[in-house]
Amino acid sequence: MSSVNFPRKAEKFEIQAYKKPKDLRSIKKTHVSYSGSLQKHQYDPGKIILVPDPYSSDGFYYEFKIEDISYIEELPSLVSMEGETVTMARLWIKKMSVGIKSFPFIVEDTTRL
């Protein structure tokens, strides 16, 4: 399995059209929001990857099923020091959905530290 490198150059990423909820207060009762840069899942077209801080050296990301997303809000884009732009979004995920929080790390023997 190859390692995932963040950030990636922004690509047009279309999941589907989402209708804005009539009342954002009501969606807060049934959903939880997560913000970051959207990326296509490498192997499963039914899932997406959300990178909370795409310019961080931390490789932390979330993985969600597309069917669990009820609404997506576009957020201001981030710009790197080199002028590369990354599109940011806020996803509203249904409560009790199963997501994956991935935090890659290097395996080390810490007993000698």
PDB file of N, CA and C in Angstrom:
ATOM      1  N   MET A   1       0.866  -1.176   0.000  1.00  0.00           N
ATOM      2  CA  MET A   1       0.000   0.000   0.000  1.00  0.00           C
ATOM      3  C   MET A   1       0.902   1.224   0.000  1.00  0.00           C
ATOM      4  N   SER A   2       0.672   2.132  -0.919  1.00  0.00           N
ATOM      5  CA  SER A   2       1.485   3.344  -0.981  1.00  0.00           C
ATOM      6  C   SER A   2       1.007   4.368   0.033  1.00  0.00           C
ATOM      7  N   SER A   3       1.934   5.188   0.496  1.00  0.00           N
ATOM      8  CA  SER A   3       1.556   6.213   1.475  1.00  0.00           C
ATOM      9  C   SER A   3       0.842   7.354   0.773  1.00  0.00           C
ATOM     10  N   VAL A   4      -0.036   8.005   1.476  1.00  0.00           N
ATOM     11  CA  VAL A   4      -0.804   9.108   0.923  1.00  0.00           C
ATOM     12  C   VAL A   4      -0.049  10.395   1.210  1.00  0.00           C
ATOM     13  N   ASN A   5       0.202  11.197   0.186  1.00  0.00           N
ATOM     14  CA  ASN A   5       0.900  12.462   0.373  1.00  0.00           C
ATOM     15  C   ASN A   5      -0.097  13.598   0.326  1.00  0.00           C
ATOM     16  N   PHE A   6      -0.049  14.484   1.310  1.00  0.00           N
ATOM     17  CA  PHE A   6      -0.925  15.636   1.363  1.00  0.00           C
ATOM     18  C   PHE A   6      -0.073  16.871   1.317  1.00  0.00           C
ATOM     19  N   PRO A   7      -0.460  17.979   0.806  1.00  0.00           N
ATOM     20  CA  PRO A   7      -1.670  18.165   0.030  1.00  0.00           C
ATOM     21  C   PRO A   7      -1.460  17.759  -1.425  1.00  0.00           C
ATOM     22  N   ARG A   8      -2.541  17.595  -2.117  1.00  0.00           N
ATOM     23  CA  ARG A   8      -2.508  17.317  -3.544  1.00  0.00           C
ATOM     24  C   ARG A   8      -3.059  18.523  -4.275  1.00  0.00           C
ATOM     25  N   LYS A   9      -2.684  18.656  -5.530  1.00  0.00           N
ATOM     26  CA  LYS A   9      -3.210  19.746  -6.334  1.00  0.00           C
ATOM     27  C   LYS A   9      -4.718  19.593  -6.430  1.00  0.00           C
ATOM     28  N   ALA A  10      -5.420  20.707  -6.280  1.00  0.00           N
ATOM     29  CA  ALA A  10      -6.884  20.676  -6.267  1.00  0.00           C
ATOM     30  C   ALA A  10      -7.425  20.171  -7.597  1.00  0.00           C
ATOM     31  N   GLU A  11      -8.300  19.195  -7.525  1.00  0.00           N
ATOM     32  CA  GLU A  11      -8.999  18.677  -8.689  1.00  0.00           C
ATOM     33  C   GLU A  11     -10.476  18.986  -8.512  1.00  0.00           C
ATOM     34  N   LYS A  12     -11.191  19.051  -9.610  1.00  0.00           N
ATOM     35  CA  LYS A  12     -12.633  19.227  -9.492  1.00  0.00           C
ATOM     36  C   LYS A  12     -13.189  17.924  -8.945  1.00  0.00           C
ATOM     37  N   PHE A  13     -13.857  18.021  -7.817  1.00  0.00           N
ATOM     38  CA  PHE A  13     -14.358  16.835  -7.124  1.00  0.00           C
ATOM     39  C   PHE A  13     -15.848  16.995  -6.928  1.00  0.00           C
ATOM     40  N   GLU A  14     -16.627  16.249  -7.690  1.00  0.00           N
ATOM     41  CA  GLU A  14     -18.071  16.351  -7.602  1.00  0.00           C
ATOM     42  C   GLU A  14     -18.626  15.053  -7.040  1.00  0.00           C
ATOM     43  N   ILE A  15     -19.339  15.173  -5.947  1.00  0.00           N
ATOM     44  CA  ILE A  15     -19.987  13.997  -5.375  1.00  0.00           C
ATOM     45  C   ILE A  15     -21.406  13.932  -5.937  1.00  0.00           C
ATOM     46  N   GLN A  16     -22.191  14.909  -5.609  1.00  0.00           N
ATOM     47  CA  GLN A  16     -23.542  15.068  -6.126  1.00  0.00           C
ATOM     48  C   GLN A  16     -24.036  16.412  -5.621  1.00  0.00           C
ATOM     49  N   ALA A  17     -25.140  16.863  -6.151  1.00  0.00           N
ATOM     50  CA  ALA A  17     -25.708  18.132  -5.686  1.00  0.00           C
ATOM     51  C   ALA A  17     -26.431  17.900  -4.367  1.00  0.00           C
ATOM     52  N   TYR A  18     -26.175  18.773  -3.406  1.00  0.00           N
ATOM     53  CA  TYR A  18     -26.823  18.681  -2.106  1.00  0.00           C
ATOM     54  C   TYR A  18     -27.720  19.890  -1.917  1.00  0.00           C
ATOM     55  N   LYS A  19     -28.935  19.667  -1.422  1.00  0.00           N
ATOM     56  CA  LYS A  19     -29.845  20.763  -1.114  1.00  0.00           C
ATOM     57  C   LYS A  19     -29.515  21.323   0.249  1.00  0.00           C
ATOM     58  N   LYS A  20     -29.498  22.642   0.340  1.00  0.00           N
ATOM     59  CA  LYS A  20     -29.269  23.276   1.625  1.00  0.00           C
ATOM     60  C   LYS A  20     -30.471  23.009   2.523  1.00  0.00           C
ATOM     61  N   PRO A  21     -30.224  22.595   3.770  1.00  0.00           N
ATOM     62  CA  PRO A  21     -31.348  22.356   4.685  1.00  0.00           C
ATOM     63  C   PRO A  21     -32.108  23.650   4.939  1.00  0.00           C
ATOM     64  N   LYS A  22     -33.400  23.530   5.166  1.00  0.00           N
ATOM     65  CA  LYS A  22     -34.218  24.717   5.431  1.00  0.00           C
ATOM     66  C   LYS A  22     -33.767  25.422   6.697  1.00  0.00           C
ATOM     67  N   ASP A  23     -33.370  24.639   7.689  1.00  0.00           N
ATOM     68  CA  ASP A  23     -32.974  25.198   8.973  1.00  0.00           C
ATOM     69  C   ASP A  23     -31.699  24.499   9.439  1.00  0.00           C
ATOM     70  N   LEU A  24     -30.582  25.243   9.489  1.00  0.00           N
ATOM     71  CA  LEU A  24     -29.313  24.640   9.917  1.00  0.00           C
ATOM     72  C   LEU A  24     -29.344  24.186  11.374  1.00  0.00           C
ATOM     73  N   ARG A  25     -30.212  24.775  12.172  1.00  0.00           N
ATOM     74  CA  ARG A  25     -30.320  24.347  13.573  1.00  0.00           C
ATOM     75  C   ARG A  25     -30.841  22.917  13.659  1.00  0.00           C
ATOM     76  N   SER A  26     -31.762  22.569  12.769  1.00  0.00           N
ATOM     77  CA  SER A  26     -32.326  21.218  12.810  1.00  0.00           C
ATOM     78  C   SER A  26     -31.285  20.172  12.383  1.00  0.00           C
ATOM     79  N   ILE A  27     -30.410  20.502  11.439  1.00  0.00           N
ATOM     80  CA  ILE A  27     -29.397  19.533  10.996  1.00  0.00           C
ATOM     81  C   ILE A  27     -28.365  19.292  12.097  1.00  0.00           C
ATOM     82  N   LYS A  28     -28.150  20.269  12.979  1.00  0.00           N
ATOM     83  CA  LYS A  28     -27.205  20.099  14.083  1.00  0.00           C
ATOM     84  C   LYS A  28     -27.685  19.053  15.091  1.00  0.00           C
ATOM     85  N   LYS A  29     -28.980  18.795  15.119  1.00  0.00           N
ATOM     86  CA  LYS A  29     -29.525  17.795  16.038  1.00  0.00           C
ATOM     87  C   LYS A  29     -29.288  16.370  15.534  1.00  0.00           C
ATOM     88  N   THR A  30     -29.196  16.208  14.223  1.00  0.00           N
ATOM     89  CA  THR A  30     -29.117  14.875  13.632  1.00  0.00           C
ATOM     90  C   THR A  30     -27.791  14.584  12.938  1.00  0.00           C
ATOM     91  N   HIS A  31     -26.907  15.594  12.841  1.00  0.00           N
ATOM     92  CA  HIS A  31     -25.649  15.456  12.110  1.00  0.00           C
ATOM     93  C   HIS A  31     -24.488  16.076  12.885  1.00  0.00           C
ATOM     94  N   VAL A  32     -23.273  15.702  12.481  1.00  0.00           N
ATOM     95  CA  VAL A  32     -22.051  16.286  13.030  1.00  0.00           C
ATOM     96  C   VAL A  32     -21.242  16.822  11.847  1.00  0.00           C
ATOM     97  N   SER A  33     -20.648  18.002  12.004  1.00  0.00           N
ATOM     98  CA  SER A  33     -19.882  18.578  10.898  1.00  0.00           C
ATOM     99  C   SER A  33     -18.387  18.293  11.049  1.00  0.00           C
ATOM    100  N   TYR A  34     -17.735  18.090   9.909  1.00  0.00           N
ATOM    101  CA  TYR A  34     -16.290  17.904   9.813  1.00  0.00           C
ATOM    102  C   TYR A  34     -15.804  18.777   8.669  1.00  0.00           C
ATOM    103  N   SER A  35     -14.688  19.472   8.875  1.00  0.00           N
ATOM    104  CA  SER A  35     -14.163  20.380   7.851  1.00  0.00           C
ATOM    105  C   SER A  35     -12.788  19.941   7.384  1.00  0.00           C
ATOM    106  N   GLY A  36     -12.506  20.190   6.107  1.00  0.00           N
ATOM    107  CA  GLY A  36     -11.195  19.871   5.560  1.00  0.00           C
ATOM    108  C   GLY A  36     -11.222  19.858   4.044  1.00  0.00           C
ATOM    109  N   SER A  37     -10.176  19.292   3.478  1.00  0.00           N
ATOM    110  CA  SER A  37     -10.033  19.182   2.029  1.00  0.00           C
ATOM    111  C   SER A  37     -10.523  17.807   1.583  1.00  0.00           C
ATOM    112  N   LEU A  38     -11.428  17.781   0.614  1.00  0.00           N
ATOM    113  CA  LEU A  38     -11.987  16.521   0.107  1.00  0.00           C
ATOM    114  C   LEU A  38     -11.051  15.883  -0.911  1.00  0.00           C
ATOM    115  N   GLN A  39     -10.923  14.567  -0.829  1.00  0.00           N
ATOM    116  CA  GLN A  39     -10.137  13.814  -1.796  1.00  0.00           C
ATOM    117  C   GLN A  39     -10.890  12.537  -2.143  1.00  0.00           C
ATOM    118  N   LYS A  40     -10.721  12.080  -3.367  1.00  0.00           N
ATOM    119  CA  LYS A  40     -11.333  10.810  -3.756  1.00  0.00           C
ATOM    120  C   LYS A  40     -10.630   9.675  -3.025  1.00  0.00           C
ATOM    121  N   HIS A  41     -11.396   8.666  -2.652  1.00  0.00           N
ATOM    122  CA  HIS A  41     -10.824   7.469  -2.037  1.00  0.00           C
ATOM    123  C   HIS A  41     -10.081   6.708  -3.127  1.00  0.00           C
ATOM    124  N   GLN A  42      -8.906   6.179  -2.806  1.00  0.00           N
ATOM    125  CA  GLN A  42      -8.076   5.497  -3.810  1.00  0.00           C
ATOM    126  C   GLN A  42      -8.709   4.241  -4.374  1.00  0.00           C
ATOM    127  N   TYR A  43      -9.477   3.507  -3.547  1.00  0.00           N
ATOM    128  CA  TYR A  43      -9.965   2.199  -3.985  1.00  0.00           C
ATOM    129  C   TYR A  43     -11.484   2.051  -3.995  1.00  0.00           C
ATOM    130  N   ASP A  44     -12.190   2.893  -3.257  1.00  0.00           N
ATOM    131  CA  ASP A  44     -13.634   2.737  -3.104  1.00  0.00           C
ATOM    132  C   ASP A  44     -14.359   4.004  -3.550  1.00  0.00           C
ATOM    133  N   PRO A  45     -15.066   3.957  -4.682  1.00  0.00           N
ATOM    134  CA  PRO A  45     -15.773   5.151  -5.158  1.00  0.00           C
ATOM    135  C   PRO A  45     -16.958   5.554  -4.278  1.00  0.00           C
ATOM    136  N   GLY A  46     -17.339   4.707  -3.318  1.00  0.00           N
ATOM    137  CA  GLY A  46     -18.434   5.012  -2.401  1.00  0.00           C
ATOM    138  C   GLY A  46     -17.973   5.720  -1.138  1.00  0.00           C
ATOM    139  N   LYS A  47     -16.675   6.062  -1.064  1.00  0.00           N
ATOM    140  CA  LYS A  47     -16.129   6.728   0.114  1.00  0.00           C
ATOM    141  C   LYS A  47     -15.317   7.958  -0.299  1.00  0.00           C
ATOM    142  N   ILE A  48     -15.127   8.864   0.664  1.00  0.00           N
ATOM    143  CA  ILE A  48     -14.275  10.033   0.448  1.00  0.00           C
ATOM    144  C   ILE A  48     -13.283  10.139   1.604  1.00  0.00           C
ATOM    145  N   ILE A  49     -12.219  10.873   1.351  1.00  0.00           N
ATOM    146  CA  ILE A  49     -11.204  11.175   2.358  1.00  0.00           C
ATOM    147  C   ILE A  49     -11.329  12.663   2.661  1.00  0.00           C
ATOM    148  N   LEU A  50     -11.286  13.023   3.937  1.00  0.00           N
ATOM    149  CA  LEU A  50     -11.329  14.425   4.358  1.00  0.00           C
ATOM    150  C   LEU A  50     -10.072  14.710   5.175  1.00  0.00           C
ATOM    151  N   VAL A  51      -9.244  15.632   4.683  1.00  0.00           N
ATOM    152  CA  VAL A  51      -7.997  15.993   5.356  1.00  0.00           C
ATOM    153  C   VAL A  51      -8.223  17.317   6.082  1.00  0.00           C
ATOM    154  N   PRO A  52      -8.273  17.305   7.425  1.00  0.00           N
ATOM    155  CA  PRO A  52      -8.582  18.530   8.172  1.00  0.00           C
ATOM    156  C   PRO A  52      -7.586  19.667   7.948  1.00  0.00           C
ATOM    157  N   ASP A  53      -6.297  19.367   7.892  1.00  0.00           N
ATOM    158  CA  ASP A  53      -5.282  20.400   7.708  1.00  0.00           C
ATOM    159  C   ASP A  53      -4.314  19.937   6.619  1.00  0.00           C
ATOM    160  N   PRO A  54      -4.636  20.215   5.344  1.00  0.00           N
ATOM    161  CA  PRO A  54      -3.863  19.643   4.241  1.00  0.00           C
ATOM    162  C   PRO A  54      -2.413  20.116   4.147  1.00  0.00           C
ATOM    163  N   TYR A  55      -2.045  21.242   4.759  1.00  0.00           N
ATOM    164  CA  TYR A  55      -0.666  21.714   4.696  1.00  0.00           C
ATOM    165  C   TYR A  55       0.150  21.338   5.923  1.00  0.00           C
ATOM    166  N   SER A  56      -0.420  20.577   6.817  1.00  0.00           N
ATOM    167  CA  SER A  56       0.284  20.126   8.007  1.00  0.00           C
ATOM    168  C   SER A  56       1.168  18.927   7.656  1.00  0.00           C
ATOM    169  N   SER A  57       2.237  18.727   8.396  1.00  0.00           N
ATOM    170  CA  SER A  57       3.079  17.552   8.188  1.00  0.00           C
ATOM    171  C   SER A  57       2.437  16.308   8.802  1.00  0.00           C
ATOM    172  N   ASP A  58       1.381  16.504   9.573  1.00  0.00           N
ATOM    173  CA  ASP A  58       0.620  15.421  10.190  1.00  0.00           C
ATOM    174  C   ASP A  58      -0.222  14.736   9.112  1.00  0.00           C
ATOM    175  N   GLY A  59      -0.178  13.425   9.014  1.00  0.00           N
ATOM    176  CA  GLY A  59      -0.900  12.691   7.976  1.00  0.00           C
ATOM    177  C   GLY A  59      -2.302  12.275   8.367  1.00  0.00           C
ATOM    178  N   PHE A  60      -2.887  12.900   9.372  1.00  0.00           N
ATOM    179  CA  PHE A  60      -4.200  12.562   9.910  1.00  0.00           C
ATOM    180  C   PHE A  60      -5.312  12.867   8.899  1.00  0.00           C
ATOM    181  N   TYR A  61      -6.281  11.943   8.768  1.00  0.00           N
ATOM    182  CA  TYR A  61      -7.431  12.175   7.887  1.00  0.00           C
ATOM    183  C   TYR A  61      -8.631  11.351   8.335  1.00  0.00           C
ATOM    184  N   TYR A  62      -9.806  11.728   7.804  1.00  0.00           N
ATOM    185  CA  TYR A  62     -11.046  10.990   8.040  1.00  0.00           C
ATOM    186  C   TYR A  62     -11.457  10.291   6.753  1.00  0.00           C
ATOM    187  N   GLU A  63     -12.208   9.202   6.902  1.00  0.00           N
ATOM    188  CA  GLU A  63     -12.786   8.496   5.769  1.00  0.00           C
ATOM    189  C   GLU A  63     -14.273   8.302   6.064  1.00  0.00           C
ATOM    190  N   PHE A  64     -15.133   8.713   5.109  1.00  0.00           N
ATOM    191  CA  PHE A  64     -16.580   8.602   5.282  1.00  0.00           C
ATOM    192  C   PHE A  64     -17.214   7.966   4.055  1.00  0.00           C
ATOM    193  N   LYS A  65     -18.337   7.286   4.270  1.00  0.00           N
ATOM    194  CA  LYS A  65     -19.151   6.811   3.154  1.00  0.00           C
ATOM    195  C   LYS A  65     -19.911   8.002   2.583  1.00  0.00           C
ATOM    196  N   ILE A  66     -19.989   8.093   1.283  1.00  0.00           N
ATOM    197  CA  ILE A  66     -20.688   9.200   0.630  1.00  0.00           C
ATOM    198  C   ILE A  66     -22.170   9.194   1.004  1.00  0.00           C
ATOM    199  N   GLU A  67     -22.759   8.015   1.189  1.00  0.00           N
ATOM    200  CA  GLU A  67     -24.186   7.929   1.521  1.00  0.00           C
ATOM    201  C   GLU A  67     -24.509   8.511   2.900  1.00  0.00           C
ATOM    202  N   ASP A  68     -23.498   8.687   3.758  1.00  0.00           N
ATOM    203  CA  ASP A  68     -23.714   9.248   5.094  1.00  0.00           C
ATOM    204  C   ASP A  68     -23.619  10.775   5.121  1.00  0.00           C
ATOM    205  N   ILE A  69     -23.274  11.381   3.983  1.00  0.00           N
ATOM    206  CA  ILE A  69     -23.163  12.841   3.891  1.00  0.00           C
ATOM    207  C   ILE A  69     -24.522  13.402   3.472  1.00  0.00           C
ATOM    208  N   SER A  70     -25.056  14.320   4.273  1.00  0.00           N
ATOM    209  CA  SER A  70     -26.345  14.919   3.936  1.00  0.00           C
ATOM    210  C   SER A  70     -26.207  16.294   3.301  1.00  0.00           C
ATOM    211  N   TYR A  71     -25.131  16.999   3.630  1.00  0.00           N
ATOM    212  CA  TYR A  71     -24.970  18.358   3.122  1.00  0.00           C
ATOM    213  C   TYR A  71     -23.494  18.725   3.128  1.00  0.00           C
ATOM    214  N   ILE A  72     -23.065  19.486   2.111  1.00  0.00           N
ATOM    215  CA  ILE A  72     -21.686  19.975   2.027  1.00  0.00           C
ATOM    216  C   ILE A  72     -21.713  21.484   1.861  1.00  0.00           C
ATOM    217  N   GLU A  73     -20.944  22.172   2.701  1.00  0.00           N
ATOM    218  CA  GLU A  73     -20.791  23.622   2.589  1.00  0.00           C
ATOM    219  C   GLU A  73     -19.401  23.919   2.048  1.00  0.00           C
ATOM    220  N   GLU A  74     -19.316  24.820   1.093  1.00  0.00           N
ATOM    221  CA  GLU A  74     -18.017  25.241   0.591  1.00  0.00           C
ATOM    222  C   GLU A  74     -17.435  26.270   1.550  1.00  0.00           C
ATOM    223  N   LEU A  75     -16.166  26.099   1.903  1.00  0.00           N
ATOM    224  CA  LEU A  75     -15.453  27.011   2.792  1.00  0.00           C
ATOM    225  C   LEU A  75     -14.384  27.747   1.985  1.00  0.00           C
ATOM    226  N   PRO A  76     -13.807  28.812   2.541  1.00  0.00           N
ATOM    227  CA  PRO A  76     -12.721  29.497   1.824  1.00  0.00           C
ATOM    228  C   PRO A  76     -11.555  28.534   1.565  1.00  0.00           C
ATOM    229  N   SER A  77     -10.941  28.669   0.395  1.00  0.00           N
ATOM    230  CA  SER A  77      -9.809  27.821   0.023  1.00  0.00           C
ATOM    231  C   SER A  77      -8.550  28.247   0.767  1.00  0.00           C
ATOM    232  N   LEU A  78      -7.622  27.307   0.907  1.00  0.00           N
ATOM    233  CA  LEU A  78      -6.313  27.595   1.495  1.00  0.00           C
ATOM    234  C   LEU A  78      -5.297  27.742   0.375  1.00  0.00           C
ATOM    235  N   VAL A  79      -4.319  28.615   0.575  1.00  0.00           N
ATOM    236  CA  VAL A  79      -3.277  28.834  -0.420  1.00  0.00           C
ATOM    237  C   VAL A  79      -1.923  28.585   0.245  1.00  0.00           C
ATOM    238  N   SER A  80      -1.086  27.777  -0.411  1.00  0.00           N
ATOM    239  CA  SER A  80       0.239  27.480   0.128  1.00  0.00           C
ATOM    240  C   SER A  80       1.192  28.640  -0.144  1.00  0.00           C
ATOM    241  N   MET A  81       2.381  28.581   0.421  1.00  0.00           N
ATOM    242  CA  MET A  81       3.410  29.598   0.194  1.00  0.00           C
ATOM    243  C   MET A  81       3.827  29.625  -1.277  1.00  0.00           C
ATOM    244  N   GLU A  82       3.638  28.507  -1.987  1.00  0.00           N
ATOM    245  CA  GLU A  82       3.986  28.413  -3.405  1.00  0.00           C
ATOM    246  C   GLU A  82       2.844  28.854  -4.309  1.00  0.00           C
ATOM    247  N   GLY A  83       1.707  29.220  -3.724  1.00  0.00           N
ATOM    248  CA  GLY A  83       0.558  29.680  -4.505  1.00  0.00           C
ATOM    249  C   GLY A  83      -0.390  28.577  -4.930  1.00  0.00           C
ATOM    250  N   GLU A  84      -0.197  27.358  -4.439  1.00  0.00           N
ATOM    251  CA  GLU A  84      -1.089  26.240  -4.761  1.00  0.00           C
ATOM    252  C   GLU A  84      -2.345  26.342  -3.896  1.00  0.00           C
ATOM    253  N   THR A  85      -3.503  26.128  -4.497  1.00  0.00           N
ATOM    254  CA  THR A  85      -4.774  26.271  -3.797  1.00  0.00           C
ATOM    255  C   THR A  85      -5.380  24.909  -3.470  1.00  0.00           C
ATOM    256  N   VAL A  86      -5.927  24.812  -2.256  1.00  0.00           N
ATOM    257  CA  VAL A  86      -6.646  23.605  -1.843  1.00  0.00           C
ATOM    258  C   VAL A  86      -8.056  24.025  -1.445  1.00  0.00           C
ATOM    259  N   THR A  87      -9.055  23.398  -2.046  1.00  0.00           N
ATOM    260  CA  THR A  87     -10.449  23.682  -1.753  1.00  0.00           C
ATOM    261  C   THR A  87     -10.844  23.046  -0.424  1.00  0.00           C
ATOM    262  N   MET A  88     -11.540  23.808   0.414  1.00  0.00           N
ATOM    263  CA  MET A  88     -11.971  23.323   1.722  1.00  0.00           C
ATOM    264  C   MET A  88     -13.500  23.214   1.749  1.00  0.00           C
ATOM    265  N   ALA A  89     -14.005  22.291   2.564  1.00  0.00           N
ATOM    266  CA  ALA A  89     -15.456  22.078   2.663  1.00  0.00           C
ATOM    267  C   ALA A  89     -15.818  21.633   4.076  1.00  0.00           C
ATOM    268  N   ARG A  90     -17.075  21.842   4.433  1.00  0.00           N
ATOM    269  CA  ARG A  90     -17.626  21.322   5.688  1.00  0.00           C
ATOM    270  C   ARG A  90     -18.660  20.269   5.318  1.00  0.00           C
ATOM    271  N   LEU A  91     -18.471  19.052   5.825  1.00  0.00           N
ATOM    272  CA  LEU A  91     -19.399  17.951   5.570  1.00  0.00           C
ATOM    273  C   LEU A  91     -20.301  17.776   6.775  1.00  0.00           C
ATOM    274  N   TRP A  92     -21.581  17.541   6.528  1.00  0.00           N
ATOM    275  CA  TRP A  92     -22.529  17.214   7.598  1.00  0.00           C
ATOM    276  C   TRP A  92     -22.822  15.724   7.497  1.00  0.00           C
ATOM    277  N   ILE A  93     -22.319  14.981   8.488  1.00  0.00           N
ATOM    278  CA  ILE A  93     -22.411  13.516   8.515  1.00  0.00           C
ATOM    279  C   ILE A  93     -23.506  13.096   9.489  1.00  0.00           C
ATOM    280  N   LYS A  94     -24.347  12.146   9.074  1.00  0.00           N
ATOM    281  CA  LYS A  94     -25.428  11.649   9.929  1.00  0.00           C
ATOM    282  C   LYS A  94     -24.857  11.053  11.211  1.00  0.00           C
ATOM    283  N   LYS A  95     -25.465  11.387  12.336  1.00  0.00           N
ATOM    284  CA  LYS A  95     -25.051  10.800  13.613  1.00  0.00           C
ATOM    285  C   LYS A  95     -25.234   9.285  13.559  1.00  0.00           C
ATOM    286  N   MET A  96     -24.395   8.575  14.251  1.00  0.00           N
ATOM    287  CA  MET A  96     -24.359   7.110  14.347  1.00  0.00           C
ATOM    288  C   MET A  96     -23.825   6.448  13.075  1.00  0.00           C
ATOM    289  N   SER A  97     -23.326   7.235  12.117  1.00  0.00           N
ATOM    290  CA  SER A  97     -22.645   6.663  10.957  1.00  0.00           C
ATOM    291  C   SER A  97     -21.262   6.201  11.401  1.00  0.00           C
ATOM    292  N   VAL A  98     -20.704   5.265  10.666  1.00  0.00           N
ATOM    293  CA  VAL A  98     -19.365   4.791  10.976  1.00  0.00           C
ATOM    294  C   VAL A  98     -18.374   5.477  10.049  1.00  0.00           C
ATOM    295  N   GLY A  99     -17.407   6.170  10.637  1.00  0.00           N
ATOM    296  CA  GLY A  99     -16.331   6.791   9.885  1.00  0.00           C
ATOM    297  C   GLY A  99     -15.013   6.227  10.379  1.00  0.00           C
ATOM    298  N   ILE A 100     -13.948   6.521   9.659  1.00  0.00           N
ATOM    299  CA  ILE A 100     -12.618   6.076  10.071  1.00  0.00           C
ATOM    300  C   ILE A 100     -11.750   7.304  10.290  1.00  0.00           C
ATOM    301  N   LYS A 101     -11.089   7.342  11.429  1.00  0.00           N
ATOM    302  CA  LYS A 101     -10.134   8.399  11.746  1.00  0.00           C
ATOM    303  C   LYS A 101      -8.758   7.759  11.657  1.00  0.00           C
ATOM    304  N   SER A 102      -7.964   8.165  10.683  1.00  0.00           N
ATOM    305  CA  SER A 102      -6.674   7.535  10.452  1.00  0.00           C
ATOM    306  C   SER A 102      -5.542   8.456  10.878  1.00  0.00           C
ATOM    307  N   PHE A 103      -4.643   7.910  11.658  1.00  0.00           N
ATOM    308  CA  PHE A 103      -3.487   8.652  12.143  1.00  0.00           C
ATOM    309  C   PHE A 103      -2.247   7.794  11.921  1.00  0.00           C
ATOM    310  N   PRO A 104      -1.605   7.908  10.753  1.00  0.00           N
ATOM    311  CA  PRO A 104      -0.418   7.093  10.477  1.00  0.00           C
ATOM    312  C   PRO A 104       0.730   7.439  11.425  1.00  0.00           C
ATOM    313  N   PHE A 105       1.557   6.456  11.740  1.00  0.00           N
ATOM    314  CA  PHE A 105       2.707   6.678  12.609  1.00  0.00           C
ATOM    315  C   PHE A 105       3.829   5.717  12.240  1.00  0.00           C
ATOM    316  N   ILE A 106       5.036   6.015  12.727  1.00  0.00           N
ATOM    317  CA  ILE A 106       6.195   5.160  12.501  1.00  0.00           C
ATOM    318  C   ILE A 106       6.348   4.252  13.719  1.00  0.00           C
ATOM    319  N   VAL A 107       6.466   2.979  13.479  1.00  0.00           N
ATOM    320  CA  VAL A 107       6.621   2.014  14.547  1.00  0.00           C
ATOM    321  C   VAL A 107       8.051   2.095  15.090  1.00  0.00           C
ATOM    322  N   GLU A 108       8.170   2.323  16.395  1.00  0.00           N
ATOM    323  CA  GLU A 108       9.474   2.418  17.028  1.00  0.00           C
ATOM    324  C   GLU A 108       9.458   1.721  18.366  1.00  0.00           C
ATOM    325  N   ASP A 109      10.604   1.322  18.828  1.00  0.00           N
ATOM    326  CA  ASP A 109      10.765   0.771  20.157  1.00  0.00           C
ATOM    327  C   ASP A 109      11.025   1.944  21.099  1.00  0.00           C
ATOM    328  N   THR A 110      10.060   2.287  21.929  1.00  0.00           N
ATOM    329  CA  THR A 110      10.182   3.468  22.794  1.00  0.00           C
ATOM    330  C   THR A 110      10.756   3.135  24.154  1.00  0.00           C
ATOM    331  N   THR A 111      11.087   1.875  24.428  1.00  0.00           N
ATOM    332  CA  THR A 111      11.632   1.523  25.735  1.00  0.00           C
ATOM    333  C   THR A 111      13.035   2.067  25.955  1.00  0.00           C
ATOM    334  N   ARG A 112      13.748   2.376  24.881  1.00  0.00           N
ATOM    335  CA  ARG A 112      15.120   2.889  24.995  1.00  0.00           C
ATOM    336  C   ARG A 112      15.187   4.394  25.022  1.00  0.00           C
ATOM    337  N   LEU A 113      14.081   5.062  24.971  1.00  0.00           N
ATOM    338  CA  LEU A 113      14.073   6.535  24.961  1.00  0.00           C
ATOM    339  C   LEU A 113      14.192   7.119  26.334  1.00  0.00           C
TER     340      LEU A 113
END
